[in-house]
Amino acid sequence: MSPNANVQVPELLFALLPDSGIAPDGPDTLAPLAAALLGQYPRAATLTVHPPLRDAQGRCRWWPGAEPSPDGVDEALPPLVGRLRQEAARLSLPWQRVALAGVGDGAVLALEAVQAEPALVGRVLAFAGGYLARPEAAPQDVCVHLLHGLEDRRFPYRHVVDAAQALVDLGADVTADLLPHLDHGLHPALIDKAMEQLRNFIPARLWREALIAAQENERPVG
């Protein structure tokens, strides 16, 4: 028997992007999310991608400034895209079986990544973050789940609502859950809602495939 015969090959990959401002040697702020994902998807793998920059206080940053900007996102995207494609290839996973889950600035980066790069991941979970600007195009075959607290002062929820409406108008697969009494951060209630959306939301691509299959089955034979 091969020594790797009992090693399970992951069926999904969740790449986790933390918020800016955390200490690199501090507690793992994404641990509750990783635990929930693995509890629901035991055949999945998780990968935490840490912000590469450090500010004067030694805290992690995705970009030089404290606030997201187009230039900062443009600089942060290539290393992230390369890492995701490398990990997907290493695990022999198609891009549809890779998901991005980001918090705060990590959510901004995840959302902008699928806007800029086609066929990168199949789902995005965006906690307490939003787009740099109102989306003018919908990512193809990507499910976008926006999860936000109504008391979030750093990323006001009205921008999330506006982006969600734009994506709906563009025909995107999108859900937007706004929970009361929650401020900025990765709250347990947001994680629970994300797990619910992952269980229950059916992508439009699967509906299309089912419709095509049904139409083919109804064609007369001969």
Protein backbone atom coordinates (compact mmCIF):
# COMPACT_ATOMS: atom_id res chain seq x y z
CA MET A 1 0.00 0.00 0.00
CA SER A 2 1.24 3.46 -0.85
CA PRO A 3 2.24 5.51 2.23
CA ASN A 4 -0.18 8.23 1.05
CA ALA A 5 -3.12 5.88 0.47
CA ASN A 6 -5.00 7.10 3.55
CA VAL A 7 -4.42 10.79 2.88
CA GLN A 8 -7.66 12.45 1.79
CA VAL A 9 -7.38 14.79 -1.14
CA PRO A 10 -9.29 18.05 -0.46
CA GLU A 11 -12.44 18.59 -2.48
CA LEU A 12 -12.59 22.33 -1.77
CA LEU A 13 -10.17 25.09 -0.88
CA PHE A 14 -11.14 28.11 1.22
CA ALA A 15 -8.54 30.88 1.13
CA LEU A 16 -8.94 33.21 4.11
CA LEU A 17 -7.91 36.86 4.02
CA PRO A 18 -7.74 38.66 7.40
CA ASP A 19 -8.37 42.34 7.98
CA SER A 20 -5.59 44.89 8.14
CA GLY A 21 -4.39 46.09 11.51
CA ILE A 22 -3.87 42.75 13.24
CA ALA A 23 -0.60 41.80 14.94
CA PRO A 24 1.24 39.06 13.02
CA ASP A 25 2.11 37.23 16.24
CA GLY A 26 -1.32 37.75 17.82
CA PRO A 27 -4.26 35.36 18.07
CA ASP A 28 -5.66 33.84 14.88
CA THR A 29 -8.70 36.04 14.25
CA LEU A 30 -9.90 33.72 11.46
CA ALA A 31 -9.84 30.55 13.55
CA PRO A 32 -13.63 30.58 14.22
CA LEU A 33 -14.34 30.89 10.50
CA ALA A 34 -11.89 28.13 9.58
CA ALA A 35 -13.44 25.87 12.23
CA ALA A 36 -16.96 26.51 10.93
CA LEU A 37 -15.92 25.82 7.33
CA LEU A 38 -14.14 22.58 8.20
CA GLY A 39 -17.03 21.51 10.41
CA GLN A 40 -19.43 21.92 7.50
CA TYR A 41 -16.99 20.71 4.83
CA PRO A 42 -14.66 18.12 6.38
CA ARG A 43 -13.13 17.33 2.98
CA ALA A 44 -12.08 20.95 2.50
CA ALA A 45 -8.72 22.63 3.04
CA THR A 46 -8.20 26.13 4.40
CA LEU A 47 -5.36 28.48 3.60
CA THR A 48 -4.77 31.76 5.42
CA VAL A 49 -3.05 34.37 3.25
CA HIS A 50 -1.50 37.01 5.48
CA PRO A 51 -1.12 40.68 4.53
CA PRO A 52 2.45 41.19 3.34
CA LEU A 53 3.12 44.70 4.69
CA ARG A 54 3.74 46.05 8.20
CA ASP A 55 3.01 49.54 9.50
CA ALA A 56 5.08 51.54 12.00
CA GLN A 57 3.48 49.63 14.87
CA GLY A 58 4.22 46.26 13.26
CA ARG A 59 0.61 45.54 12.35
CA CYS A 60 -0.32 43.76 9.13
CA ARG A 61 -1.40 45.78 6.09
CA TRP A 62 -2.57 44.77 2.63
CA TRP A 63 -1.53 48.18 1.24
CA PRO A 64 0.60 51.08 2.46
CA GLY A 65 -2.21 53.40 3.58
CA ALA A 66 -4.77 52.83 6.29
CA GLU A 67 -7.65 52.91 3.80
CA PRO A 68 -8.11 50.84 0.63
CA SER A 69 -7.35 52.57 -2.66
CA PRO A 70 -7.26 51.51 -6.32
CA ASP A 71 -3.46 51.69 -6.38
CA GLY A 72 -3.15 49.67 -3.19
CA VAL A 73 -5.52 46.99 -4.43
CA ASP A 74 -3.74 46.85 -7.80
CA GLU A 75 -0.45 46.15 -6.00
CA ALA A 76 -1.95 43.54 -3.68
CA LEU A 77 -3.80 41.56 -6.35
CA PRO A 78 -1.00 39.88 -8.38
CA PRO A 79 0.61 38.05 -5.41
CA LEU A 80 -2.81 36.90 -4.21
CA VAL A 81 -3.90 35.68 -7.65
CA GLY A 82 -0.61 33.85 -8.10
CA ARG A 83 -0.89 32.17 -4.69
CA LEU A 84 -4.45 31.04 -5.34
CA ARG A 85 -3.62 29.57 -8.73
CA GLN A 86 -0.55 27.85 -7.30
CA GLU A 87 -2.51 26.25 -4.45
CA ALA A 88 -5.36 25.19 -6.74
CA ALA A 89 -2.87 23.53 -9.09
CA ARG A 90 -1.07 21.83 -6.20
CA LEU A 91 -4.36 20.35 -4.98
CA SER A 92 -5.60 19.61 -8.53
CA LEU A 93 -8.73 21.66 -7.90
CA PRO A 94 -10.60 23.54 -10.63
CA TRP A 95 -11.17 27.21 -9.92
CA GLN A 96 -14.87 26.59 -9.26
CA ARG A 97 -13.89 24.60 -6.15
CA VAL A 98 -11.82 27.43 -4.69
CA ALA A 99 -13.44 30.09 -2.50
CA LEU A 100 -12.21 33.36 -1.02
CA ALA A 101 -13.33 34.50 2.42
CA GLY A 102 -12.17 37.93 3.54
CA VAL A 103 -12.77 40.22 6.50
CA GLY A 104 -12.62 44.01 6.30
CA ASP A 105 -9.75 44.93 3.98
CA GLY A 106 -9.47 41.21 3.17
CA ALA A 107 -13.07 41.32 1.96
CA VAL A 108 -12.30 44.34 -0.24
CA LEU A 109 -9.39 42.45 -1.78
CA ALA A 110 -11.47 39.30 -2.33
CA LEU A 111 -14.28 41.21 -4.04
CA GLU A 112 -11.94 43.20 -6.24
CA ALA A 113 -9.99 40.05 -7.12
CA VAL A 114 -12.96 38.40 -8.83
CA GLN A 115 -13.80 41.65 -10.59
CA ALA A 116 -10.29 41.86 -12.02
CA GLU A 117 -9.45 38.21 -12.64
CA PRO A 118 -11.85 35.81 -14.42
CA ALA A 119 -11.98 32.12 -13.50
CA LEU A 120 -10.19 32.68 -10.17
CA VAL A 121 -12.62 31.34 -7.55
CA GLY A 122 -16.19 30.09 -7.53
CA ARG A 123 -17.37 31.87 -4.38
CA VAL A 124 -16.57 34.89 -2.28
CA LEU A 125 -17.55 35.42 1.34
CA ALA A 126 -17.11 39.11 2.16
CA PHE A 127 -17.39 39.92 5.87
CA ALA A 128 -17.51 43.56 6.98
CA GLY A 129 -16.05 44.87 3.73
CA GLY A 130 -17.15 46.09 0.33
CA TYR A 131 -16.14 47.26 -3.12
CA LEU A 132 -13.93 50.22 -3.87
CA ALA A 133 -16.67 51.54 -6.16
CA ARG A 134 -20.10 50.46 -7.36
CA PRO A 135 -19.59 47.37 -9.56
CA GLU A 136 -20.09 48.01 -13.27
CA ALA A 137 -19.67 44.36 -14.29
CA ALA A 138 -20.62 41.04 -12.73
CA PRO A 139 -18.06 38.27 -12.23
CA GLN A 140 -18.98 35.27 -14.36
CA ASP A 141 -20.07 32.08 -12.57
CA VAL A 142 -19.06 33.44 -9.15
CA CYS A 143 -21.35 33.45 -6.12
CA VAL A 144 -20.83 36.58 -4.03
CA HIS A 145 -22.02 36.56 -0.43
CA LEU A 146 -21.97 39.92 1.36
CA LEU A 147 -22.22 39.69 5.17
CA HIS A 148 -22.31 42.88 7.16
CA GLY A 149 -23.26 44.46 10.47
CA LEU A 150 -25.64 47.40 10.43
CA GLU A 151 -23.52 49.19 13.04
CA ASP A 152 -20.31 48.91 11.02
CA ARG A 153 -18.84 52.42 10.96
CA ARG A 154 -15.70 51.59 9.02
CA PHE A 155 -17.58 50.19 6.01
CA PRO A 156 -21.10 51.68 6.19
CA TYR A 157 -23.74 49.18 5.17
CA ARG A 158 -25.35 51.50 2.63
CA HIS A 159 -22.41 50.88 0.29
CA VAL A 160 -22.97 47.14 0.60
CA VAL A 161 -26.65 47.54 -0.24
CA ASP A 162 -25.81 49.69 -3.25
CA ALA A 163 -23.23 47.18 -4.52
CA ALA A 164 -25.62 44.27 -4.03
CA GLN A 165 -28.33 46.05 -6.03
CA ALA A 166 -25.84 46.79 -8.80
CA LEU A 167 -24.80 43.13 -8.95
CA VAL A 168 -28.43 41.98 -9.03
CA ASP A 169 -29.11 44.37 -11.91
CA LEU A 170 -26.07 42.96 -13.71
CA GLY A 171 -27.33 39.39 -13.31
CA ALA A 172 -24.79 38.26 -10.73
CA ASP A 173 -25.21 35.48 -8.19
CA VAL A 174 -25.26 37.54 -5.01
CA THR A 175 -26.68 37.46 -1.49
CA ALA A 176 -26.54 40.30 1.00
CA ASP A 177 -27.18 39.73 4.70
CA LEU A 178 -27.23 42.76 7.00
CA LEU A 179 -27.43 41.86 10.67
CA PRO A 180 -28.54 44.35 13.35
CA HIS A 181 -26.47 45.43 16.36
CA LEU A 182 -23.15 44.27 14.87
CA ASP A 183 -20.18 46.56 14.40
CA HIS A 184 -17.08 46.01 12.26
CA GLY A 185 -15.56 42.56 12.54
CA LEU A 186 -16.02 38.84 12.10
CA HIS A 187 -18.94 38.13 14.43
CA PRO A 188 -20.25 34.61 15.16
CA ALA A 189 -23.67 35.57 13.78
CA LEU A 190 -22.08 36.52 10.45
CA ILE A 191 -20.23 33.22 10.33
CA ASP A 192 -23.47 31.33 11.02
CA LYS A 193 -25.21 33.24 8.22
CA ALA A 194 -22.35 32.48 5.84
CA MET A 195 -22.61 28.75 6.59
CA GLU A 196 -26.35 28.94 5.91
CA GLN A 197 -25.79 30.62 2.55
CA LEU A 198 -23.16 28.05 1.57
CA ARG A 199 -25.62 25.25 2.38
CA ASN A 200 -28.69 26.69 0.72
CA PHE A 201 -27.77 29.06 -2.10
CA ILE A 202 -27.85 27.38 -5.52
CA PRO A 203 -25.72 29.13 -8.17
CA ALA A 204 -27.43 30.18 -11.37
CA ARG A 205 -24.88 28.08 -13.30
CA LEU A 206 -26.32 24.90 -11.75
CA TRP A 207 -29.85 26.01 -12.62
CA ARG A 208 -28.76 26.55 -16.22
CA GLU A 209 -27.10 23.15 -16.39
CA ALA A 210 -30.20 21.47 -14.95
CA LEU A 211 -32.43 23.28 -17.44
CA ILE A 212 -30.25 22.26 -20.38
CA ALA A 213 -30.22 18.66 -19.19
CA ALA A 214 -34.01 18.67 -18.80
CA GLN A 215 -34.47 20.10 -22.30
CA GLU A 216 -32.17 17.46 -23.79
CA ASN A 217 -34.09 14.70 -22.03
CA GLU A 218 -37.36 16.02 -23.48
CA ARG A 219 -36.11 15.91 -27.08
CA PRO A 220 -37.81 13.18 -29.13
CA VAL A 221 -35.64 10.22 -29.98
CA GLY A 222 -35.19 9.37 -33.68
